[in-house]
Amino acid sequence: MAGSIMNFINRPFKTMRYLFCMGYLLFFSLPAASSTFVAKSAGMTLKVEQVAAGLGVPWGLTFISANMLLVTERSGSVRLLDLDKGTKVTLKNVPQVMVDGQGGMLDVAVSPDYEKTGWVYFTYVKEVNGEGATVLSRSKVNKDKLSQWQDLLVTQSATDTGYHFGSRIAFDGKGHVFFSIGDRGERPNGQDLTNHAGTIIRLNLDGSIPEDNPFVKIKGALPEIWSYGHRNPQGLAYDFVYKRLWSNEHGPRGGDEINLIVAGANYGWPVISHGKEYWGPVAVGEGTHRKGMQDPVKVYTPSIAPGSLIIYNSDSLPAWKGNLLSGALKLRHLNRVVVNNAGKAIREERLFETLNERIRALTQSRQGWVYFSTDSGKIYRIRPVL
């Protein structure tokens, strides 16, 4: 979450924003699986194991092989964890990252054609004229370093605030990459198509603009925009079964949302909202509904502060198949939402509350096991009890 108080605190430290990633290789010993406990969900018995600790804020997770987990830390590092050998390597050649408030190194995701091309996609915050902008990039992992780094889009989202950068990445398997950007703490951005803040972006995998994007031929609108009216979307996932894009985002004080993302649609922020102002019991905007603006599929009041989103798609945990899984930062749990074929949320479950951890990122392994990170620098694995 963010507010005027956080902005006030962040500004005096702007000279300390930058992380200069040094080119060195670090090996650490990962702890053996510890903090193991058993949980129940939807008639299944789950084993939850801690598989790593001692990280910064692990913001993004993705597997590049069956046992190799790539982890981004908000402080600017990119680590490669070997879950079999119990080692983690700090990769060289990470670009200069602007670390400011909620911003830094953000998401990471492997391309659908990774086995053929080797491309790994990143979002991070880059300095643009002294201000921070969310950037989509791609690179390749070459042993202990990143190579062929390319900034695909330095977004027009720069402000001097330290929050609401987004940002998650998703692919549709049809040659497109999506990524999300928050409103950067400046509410009018949500309805302003002349900048990228408060939007979800759609590009071709090489960073070019798809000809069928909804605003390509709209004068004054940026052609990369896929949807707008977002506050701070920090979860993004594509459902390959039903061919639909899901997002979740932070409301102001109450009013977190899960949304089905439609091309060209306006999700209402800040004109409509289910949340309240930070300074009093006053509603944000002009109500919760307006013609021409999309209603959320699900609203969380009070806020859970969603940190990520995946669609579980394996038979390893069969009762979860097709469910939305999200980390919760404020209310500290794993959030499971069952949706039907029509995209309606019909049931919710809150898991691992006694762990008392801010759950940040989620990913699914090739075995169908779920891995999640916590802001305390740990990574956990969820697998069935065999």
Protein backbone atom coordinates (compact mmCIF):
# COMPACT_ATOMS: atom_id res chain seq x y z
CA MET A 1 0.00 0.00 0.00
CA ALA A 2 1.00 3.58 -0.36
CA GLY A 3 -0.16 6.98 0.69
CA SER A 4 0.91 10.53 1.13
CA ILE A 5 2.84 9.65 4.29
CA MET A 6 5.01 7.14 2.45
CA ASN A 7 5.66 9.65 -0.31
CA PHE A 8 6.73 12.26 2.24
CA ILE A 9 9.12 9.80 3.89
CA ASN A 10 10.63 8.58 0.64
CA ARG A 11 11.50 11.95 -0.90
CA PRO A 12 14.39 12.96 1.44
CA PHE A 13 16.25 9.80 0.50
CA LYS A 14 16.15 10.20 -3.28
CA THR A 15 19.95 10.46 -3.45
CA MET A 16 20.14 6.89 -2.12
CA ARG A 17 17.85 5.43 -4.78
CA TYR A 18 20.33 3.70 -6.97
CA LEU A 19 21.69 0.23 -6.92
CA PHE A 20 24.91 -0.32 -8.86
CA CYS A 21 24.93 -4.04 -9.41
CA MET A 22 28.53 -5.24 -9.06
CA GLY A 23 29.78 -8.01 -11.27
CA TYR A 24 30.63 -10.71 -8.82
CA LEU A 25 29.59 -14.29 -8.22
CA LEU A 26 28.33 -15.29 -4.80
CA PHE A 27 27.68 -18.82 -3.64
CA PHE A 28 25.59 -19.42 -0.54
CA SER A 29 24.35 -22.54 1.09
CA LEU A 30 20.60 -22.90 1.03
CA PRO A 31 19.13 -24.40 4.15
CA ALA A 32 17.77 -27.90 3.91
CA ALA A 33 14.00 -27.97 3.67
CA SER A 34 12.88 -26.65 7.04
CA SER A 35 9.83 -25.16 8.71
CA THR A 36 7.84 -28.04 7.27
CA PHE A 37 4.18 -28.30 8.13
CA VAL A 38 1.06 -30.00 6.82
CA ALA A 39 -2.10 -28.20 5.78
CA LYS A 40 -5.50 -29.14 4.37
CA SER A 41 -7.27 -27.60 1.37
CA ALA A 42 -10.27 -28.77 -0.64
CA GLY A 43 -9.93 -32.31 0.67
CA MET A 44 -6.19 -32.49 -0.11
CA THR A 45 -3.30 -32.82 2.34
CA LEU A 46 -0.46 -30.44 1.51
CA LYS A 47 3.13 -30.38 2.65
CA VAL A 48 4.60 -26.88 2.94
CA GLU A 49 8.40 -26.67 3.14
CA GLN A 50 10.83 -23.79 3.41
CA VAL A 51 13.45 -24.31 0.70
CA ALA A 52 15.41 -21.04 0.84
CA ALA A 53 16.06 -18.11 3.16
CA GLY A 54 18.35 -15.11 3.49
CA LEU A 55 17.15 -13.31 0.36
CA GLY A 56 16.07 -9.68 0.13
CA VAL A 57 12.46 -9.09 -0.91
CA PRO A 58 12.07 -11.85 -3.56
CA TRP A 59 9.79 -9.99 -5.96
CA GLY A 60 9.59 -12.42 -8.88
CA LEU A 61 10.04 -16.18 -9.39
CA THR A 62 10.31 -18.29 -12.53
CA PHE A 63 11.75 -21.71 -13.38
CA ILE A 64 14.29 -21.95 -16.21
CA SER A 65 14.63 -25.71 -15.77
CA ALA A 66 13.17 -28.41 -13.55
CA ASN A 67 15.38 -27.49 -10.58
CA MET A 68 16.72 -24.00 -11.39
CA LEU A 69 14.67 -21.11 -9.99
CA LEU A 70 15.34 -17.54 -11.10
CA VAL A 71 14.58 -14.96 -8.41
CA THR A 72 14.49 -11.17 -8.63
CA GLU A 73 15.04 -9.10 -5.50
CA ARG A 74 13.53 -5.64 -5.27
CA SER A 75 16.91 -4.32 -4.13
CA GLY A 76 18.21 -5.02 -7.65
CA SER A 77 19.79 -8.46 -7.61
CA VAL A 78 18.89 -11.43 -9.79
CA ARG A 79 19.68 -14.82 -8.26
CA LEU A 80 19.74 -18.34 -9.66
CA LEU A 81 18.78 -20.99 -7.11
CA ASP A 82 19.70 -24.62 -7.66
CA LEU A 83 17.11 -26.44 -5.58
CA ASP A 84 18.90 -29.80 -5.95
CA LYS A 85 22.42 -28.69 -5.01
CA GLY A 86 21.31 -26.09 -2.46
CA THR A 87 23.20 -23.12 -3.93
CA LYS A 88 22.28 -19.65 -5.08
CA VAL A 89 24.26 -17.52 -7.50
CA THR A 90 24.07 -13.75 -7.88
CA LEU A 91 24.07 -13.10 -11.62
CA LYS A 92 26.36 -10.53 -13.23
CA ASN A 93 25.42 -7.89 -15.80
CA VAL A 94 22.17 -6.76 -14.16
CA PRO A 95 21.44 -3.21 -15.37
CA GLN A 96 21.42 -0.18 -13.11
CA VAL A 97 18.17 -0.29 -11.16
CA MET A 98 16.46 2.64 -9.47
CA VAL A 99 15.46 1.50 -5.98
CA ASP A 100 12.88 3.86 -4.55
CA GLY A 101 10.06 2.96 -2.18
CA GLN A 102 8.08 0.17 -3.85
CA GLY A 103 10.25 0.28 -6.95
CA GLY A 104 13.36 -1.65 -7.95
CA MET A 105 13.86 -4.95 -9.74
CA LEU A 106 10.36 -6.32 -10.20
CA ASP A 107 8.97 -9.31 -12.09
CA VAL A 108 10.63 -12.09 -14.09
CA ALA A 109 9.05 -14.64 -16.47
CA VAL A 110 10.34 -17.05 -19.10
CA SER A 111 9.06 -16.69 -22.63
CA PRO A 112 6.73 -19.42 -23.96
CA ASP A 113 9.44 -20.19 -26.53
CA TYR A 114 12.21 -20.22 -23.90
CA GLU A 115 13.49 -23.68 -24.85
CA LYS A 116 14.12 -22.41 -28.37
CA THR A 117 15.16 -18.77 -27.80
CA GLY A 118 16.38 -18.56 -24.19
CA TRP A 119 14.61 -15.24 -23.58
CA VAL A 120 13.73 -14.27 -20.02
CA TYR A 121 11.56 -11.15 -19.50
CA PHE A 122 11.98 -8.65 -16.66
CA THR A 123 10.28 -5.53 -15.40
CA TYR A 124 12.28 -3.05 -13.36
CA VAL A 125 12.46 0.64 -12.49
CA LYS A 126 14.83 2.84 -14.47
CA GLU A 127 15.79 6.45 -13.88
CA VAL A 128 14.45 8.79 -16.55
CA ASN A 129 15.50 12.40 -16.00
CA GLY A 130 15.73 11.88 -12.27
CA GLU A 131 12.39 10.07 -12.00
CA GLY A 132 11.44 6.38 -12.00
CA ALA A 133 9.72 4.60 -14.89
CA THR A 134 8.67 0.95 -15.22
CA VAL A 135 10.57 -0.84 -18.00
CA LEU A 136 9.97 -4.14 -19.81
CA SER A 137 13.19 -5.89 -20.79
CA ARG A 138 14.48 -9.26 -21.83
CA SER A 139 17.79 -11.08 -21.49
CA LYS A 140 19.36 -14.53 -21.54
CA VAL A 141 20.90 -16.48 -18.67
CA ASN A 142 24.42 -17.60 -19.51
CA LYS A 143 25.87 -19.55 -16.58
CA ASP A 144 26.66 -16.88 -13.95
CA LYS A 145 25.56 -13.81 -15.92
CA LEU A 146 22.85 -12.18 -17.97
CA SER A 147 23.61 -11.52 -21.64
CA GLN A 148 22.02 -9.68 -24.57
CA TRP A 149 20.00 -7.41 -22.27
CA GLN A 150 17.37 -5.42 -24.20
CA ASP A 151 15.05 -2.72 -22.89
CA LEU A 152 11.94 -3.38 -24.98
CA LEU A 153 9.84 -0.50 -23.65
CA VAL A 154 10.85 2.31 -21.30
CA THR A 155 7.32 3.36 -20.43
CA GLN A 156 6.01 6.89 -20.27
CA SER A 157 5.15 6.53 -16.59
CA ALA A 158 7.91 8.45 -14.81
CA THR A 159 7.06 10.45 -11.69
CA ASP A 160 9.01 11.46 -8.59
CA THR A 161 6.85 9.28 -6.31
CA GLY A 162 8.17 6.03 -4.87
CA TYR A 163 5.15 3.80 -5.34
CA HIS A 164 2.63 2.12 -7.69
CA PHE A 165 5.12 0.86 -10.29
CA GLY A 166 3.14 -2.40 -10.87
CA SER A 167 4.37 -4.77 -12.26
CA ARG A 168 3.75 -8.34 -13.43
CA ILE A 169 4.32 -10.12 -16.74
CA ALA A 170 2.12 -12.62 -18.62
CA PHE A 171 2.13 -14.27 -22.06
CA ASP A 172 -0.78 -15.45 -24.19
CA GLY A 173 1.13 -18.07 -26.17
CA LYS A 174 0.20 -16.27 -29.41
CA GLY A 175 3.29 -14.09 -29.67
CA HIS A 176 2.32 -11.39 -27.18
CA VAL A 177 3.61 -10.25 -23.80
CA PHE A 178 1.52 -8.29 -21.29
CA PHE A 179 2.78 -6.29 -18.32
CA SER A 180 1.14 -4.01 -15.80
CA ILE A 181 1.95 -0.52 -14.53
CA GLY A 182 0.46 1.31 -11.55
CA ASP A 183 -0.82 4.87 -11.60
CA ARG A 184 2.46 5.98 -9.94
CA GLY A 185 0.47 7.61 -7.13
CA GLU A 186 -0.99 10.25 -9.41
CA ARG A 187 -4.67 9.40 -9.74
CA PRO A 188 -5.48 11.25 -12.99
CA ASN A 189 -3.05 8.91 -14.77
CA GLY A 190 -5.63 6.14 -14.54
CA GLN A 191 -7.85 7.85 -17.13
CA ASP A 192 -5.09 9.42 -19.23
CA LEU A 193 -4.29 7.49 -22.40
CA THR A 194 -1.38 9.81 -23.22
CA ASN A 195 0.84 8.01 -20.70
CA HIS A 196 1.35 4.38 -19.68
CA ALA A 197 0.73 4.75 -15.94
CA GLY A 198 -2.36 2.92 -14.69
CA THR A 199 -2.47 0.55 -17.66
CA ILE A 200 -1.83 -2.98 -18.83
CA ILE A 201 0.45 -3.04 -21.88
CA ARG A 202 0.46 -5.55 -24.75
CA LEU A 203 3.46 -5.96 -27.06
CA ASN A 204 4.82 -8.49 -29.49
CA LEU A 205 7.58 -10.61 -27.98
CA ASP A 206 10.24 -8.46 -29.67
CA GLY A 207 8.79 -5.27 -28.18
CA SER A 208 7.02 -4.06 -31.30
CA ILE A 209 3.39 -2.93 -31.21
CA PRO A 210 0.70 -5.39 -32.35
CA GLU A 211 -1.40 -3.95 -35.15
CA ASP A 212 -4.62 -5.10 -33.46
CA ASN A 213 -4.03 -3.31 -30.15
CA PRO A 214 -7.21 -1.37 -29.28
CA PHE A 215 -5.71 2.14 -29.30
CA VAL A 216 -3.39 1.87 -32.31
CA LYS A 217 -5.59 4.13 -34.42
CA ILE A 218 -6.87 6.40 -31.64
CA LYS A 219 -5.38 9.87 -31.91
CA GLY A 220 -3.57 10.92 -28.74
CA ALA A 221 -3.63 7.47 -27.15
CA LEU A 222 -0.46 5.42 -26.69
CA PRO A 223 -0.69 2.36 -28.96
CA GLU A 224 0.91 -0.05 -26.48
CA ILE A 225 -2.07 0.21 -24.08
CA TRP A 226 -4.35 -2.84 -23.80
CA SER A 227 -6.52 -1.69 -20.86
CA TYR A 228 -6.58 1.29 -18.50
CA GLY A 229 -8.16 2.69 -15.36
CA HIS A 230 -5.95 0.59 -13.07
CA ARG A 231 -4.57 1.68 -9.70
CA ASN A 232 -1.71 -0.73 -8.98
CA PRO A 233 -2.03 -4.14 -10.66
CA GLN A 234 0.52 -6.50 -9.09
CA GLY A 235 -0.91 -9.76 -10.39
CA LEU A 236 -1.28 -10.81 -14.02
CA ALA A 237 -1.98 -14.29 -15.42
CA TYR A 238 -3.21 -15.72 -18.70
CA ASP A 239 -5.67 -18.64 -18.71
CA PHE A 240 -4.73 -20.85 -21.66
CA VAL A 241 -7.85 -23.02 -21.29
CA TYR A 242 -10.41 -20.21 -21.61
CA LYS A 243 -8.13 -17.76 -23.47
CA ARG A 244 -8.56 -14.89 -21.00
CA LEU A 245 -6.32 -12.56 -19.05
CA TRP A 246 -6.73 -12.04 -15.31
CA SER A 247 -5.34 -9.30 -13.11
CA ASN A 248 -5.56 -8.30 -9.48
CA GLU A 249 -4.77 -4.89 -8.05
CA HIS A 250 -4.53 -2.88 -4.87
CA GLY A 251 -7.39 -0.64 -3.84
CA PRO A 252 -6.72 2.43 -1.66
CA ARG A 253 -8.22 1.32 1.68
CA GLY A 254 -10.45 -1.60 0.93
CA GLY A 255 -11.48 -2.31 -2.63
CA ASP A 256 -8.72 -4.63 -3.84
CA GLU A 257 -9.92 -6.19 -7.09
CA ILE A 258 -9.71 -9.25 -9.30
CA ASN A 259 -10.47 -8.32 -12.91
CA LEU A 260 -10.95 -10.07 -16.22
CA ILE A 261 -8.99 -7.94 -18.66
CA VAL A 262 -10.72 -7.02 -21.91
CA ALA A 263 -9.03 -5.23 -24.80
CA GLY A 264 -9.64 -1.49 -24.67
CA ALA A 265 -11.66 -1.63 -21.45
CA ASN A 266 -11.67 1.06 -18.75
CA TYR A 267 -11.46 -0.33 -15.19
CA GLY A 268 -12.56 2.91 -13.63
CA TRP A 269 -9.80 4.14 -11.34
CA PRO A 270 -10.08 6.75 -9.86
CA VAL A 271 -13.60 7.59 -11.09
CA ILE A 272 -15.08 4.48 -9.45
CA SER A 273 -13.68 2.47 -6.56
CA HIS A 274 -14.78 0.19 -3.73
CA GLY A 275 -12.16 1.72 -1.42
CA LYS A 276 -11.99 4.69 0.91
CA GLU A 277 -9.63 7.62 1.32
CA TYR A 278 -6.67 7.13 3.65
CA TRP A 279 -7.47 10.30 5.56
CA GLY A 280 -11.08 9.51 6.46
CA PRO A 281 -14.18 7.36 5.95
CA VAL A 282 -14.90 8.97 2.60
CA ALA A 283 -15.38 6.92 -0.54
CA VAL A 284 -12.94 7.33 -3.41
CA GLY A 285 -14.49 8.44 -6.69
CA GLU A 286 -18.13 8.74 -7.64
CA GLY A 287 -19.40 5.34 -6.52
CA THR A 288 -18.65 1.74 -7.39
CA HIS A 289 -20.28 1.45 -10.84
CA ARG A 290 -20.51 3.54 -13.98
CA LYS A 291 -21.70 2.76 -17.49
CA GLY A 292 -18.76 2.14 -19.80
CA MET A 293 -16.44 1.03 -16.98
CA GLN A 294 -15.69 -2.57 -16.05
CA ASP A 295 -16.85 -4.02 -12.73
CA PRO A 296 -14.43 -6.30 -10.89
CA VAL A 297 -15.02 -10.03 -10.68
CA LYS A 298 -14.20 -9.94 -6.96
CA VAL A 299 -13.63 -7.19 -4.39
CA TYR A 300 -11.71 -7.49 -1.12
CA THR A 301 -12.80 -5.22 1.72
CA PRO A 302 -10.84 -4.96 3.92
CA SER A 303 -7.82 -5.08 1.65
CA ILE A 304 -5.69 -8.20 1.52
CA ALA A 305 -3.03 -6.34 -0.56
CA PRO A 306 -2.55 -8.90 -3.38
CA GLY A 307 1.09 -9.41 -4.35
CA SER A 308 0.89 -11.75 -7.34
CA LEU A 309 -1.39 -14.05 -9.33
CA ILE A 310 -1.14 -17.44 -11.01
CA ILE A 311 -3.67 -19.84 -12.52
CA TYR A 312 -2.92 -23.31 -11.22
CA ASN A 313 -3.01 -25.77 -14.12
CA SER A 314 -1.60 -29.12 -12.96
CA ASP A 315 -3.09 -32.44 -11.86
CA SER A 316 -0.58 -32.65 -9.00
CA LEU A 317 -3.02 -30.73 -6.77
CA PRO A 318 -6.23 -31.64 -8.62
CA ALA A 319 -8.70 -29.71 -6.45
CA TRP A 320 -6.85 -26.48 -7.28
CA LYS A 321 -6.82 -26.94 -11.06
CA GLY A 322 -8.10 -23.78 -12.77
CA ASN A 323 -8.10 -21.81 -9.50
CA LEU A 324 -6.60 -18.34 -9.05
CA LEU A 325 -3.82 -18.23 -6.45
CA SER A 326 -2.54 -14.96 -5.04
CA GLY A 327 -0.19 -13.87 -2.32
CA ALA A 328 -1.63 -11.52 0.31
CA LEU A 329 0.72 -8.95 1.78
CA LYS A 330 -1.38 -7.12 4.35
CA LEU A 331 -3.51 -10.01 5.60
CA ARG A 332 -0.63 -12.49 5.23
CA HIS A 333 -1.98 -15.61 3.60
CA LEU A 334 -2.24 -17.51 0.34
CA ASN A 335 -5.53 -16.57 -1.32
CA ARG A 336 -7.32 -19.21 -3.42
CA VAL A 337 -10.30 -18.24 -5.56
CA VAL A 338 -12.44 -20.72 -7.47
CA VAL A 339 -13.85 -19.32 -10.71
CA ASN A 340 -16.41 -20.95 -12.99
CA ASN A 341 -16.37 -21.32 -16.77
CA ALA A 342 -18.03 -17.92 -17.15
CA GLY A 343 -15.30 -16.20 -15.16
CA LYS A 344 -17.35 -15.66 -11.99
CA ALA A 345 -15.72 -16.00 -8.57
CA ILE A 346 -17.72 -18.58 -6.64
CA ARG A 347 -15.56 -19.51 -3.65
CA GLU A 348 -12.52 -18.26 -1.70
CA GLU A 349 -10.09 -19.88 0.73
CA ARG A 350 -7.38 -18.26 2.87
CA LEU A 351 -4.41 -20.54 3.59
CA PHE A 352 -1.34 -20.47 5.83
CA GLU A 353 -2.44 -17.52 7.95
CA THR A 354 -0.53 -18.89 10.95
CA LEU A 355 2.68 -18.60 8.94
CA ASN A 356 2.28 -14.83 9.42
CA GLU A 357 4.28 -13.96 6.29
CA ARG A 358 3.72 -11.32 3.62
CA ILE A 359 3.42 -13.60 0.59
CA ARG A 360 4.82 -11.83 -2.46
CA ALA A 361 5.48 -13.95 -5.57
CA LEU A 362 4.13 -17.28 -6.84
CA THR A 363 5.18 -19.72 -9.51
CA GLN A 364 4.42 -23.30 -10.50
CA SER A 365 7.10 -25.92 -11.14
CA ARG A 366 7.05 -28.55 -13.86
CA GLN A 367 5.95 -31.12 -11.27
CA GLY A 368 2.91 -28.97 -10.52
CA TRP A 369 4.21 -27.84 -7.14
CA VAL A 370 3.62 -24.25 -6.06
CA TYR A 371 6.49 -22.06 -4.85
CA PHE A 372 5.98 -18.76 -3.07
CA SER A 373 8.24 -16.08 -1.66
CA THR A 374 7.84 -13.89 1.39
CA ASP A 375 9.00 -10.36 2.07
CA SER A 376 11.15 -11.77 4.89
CA GLY A 377 13.38 -13.36 2.24
CA LYS A 378 12.15 -16.95 2.31
CA ILE A 379 10.88 -19.30 -0.38
CA TYR A 380 8.41 -22.10 0.34
CA ARG A 381 7.22 -25.08 -1.65
CA ILE A 382 3.71 -26.59 -1.60
CA ARG A 383 3.38 -30.19 -2.72
CA PRO A 384 0.99 -33.06 -2.14
CA VAL A 385 1.59 -35.52 0.67
CA LEU A 386 2.27 -38.74 -1.22
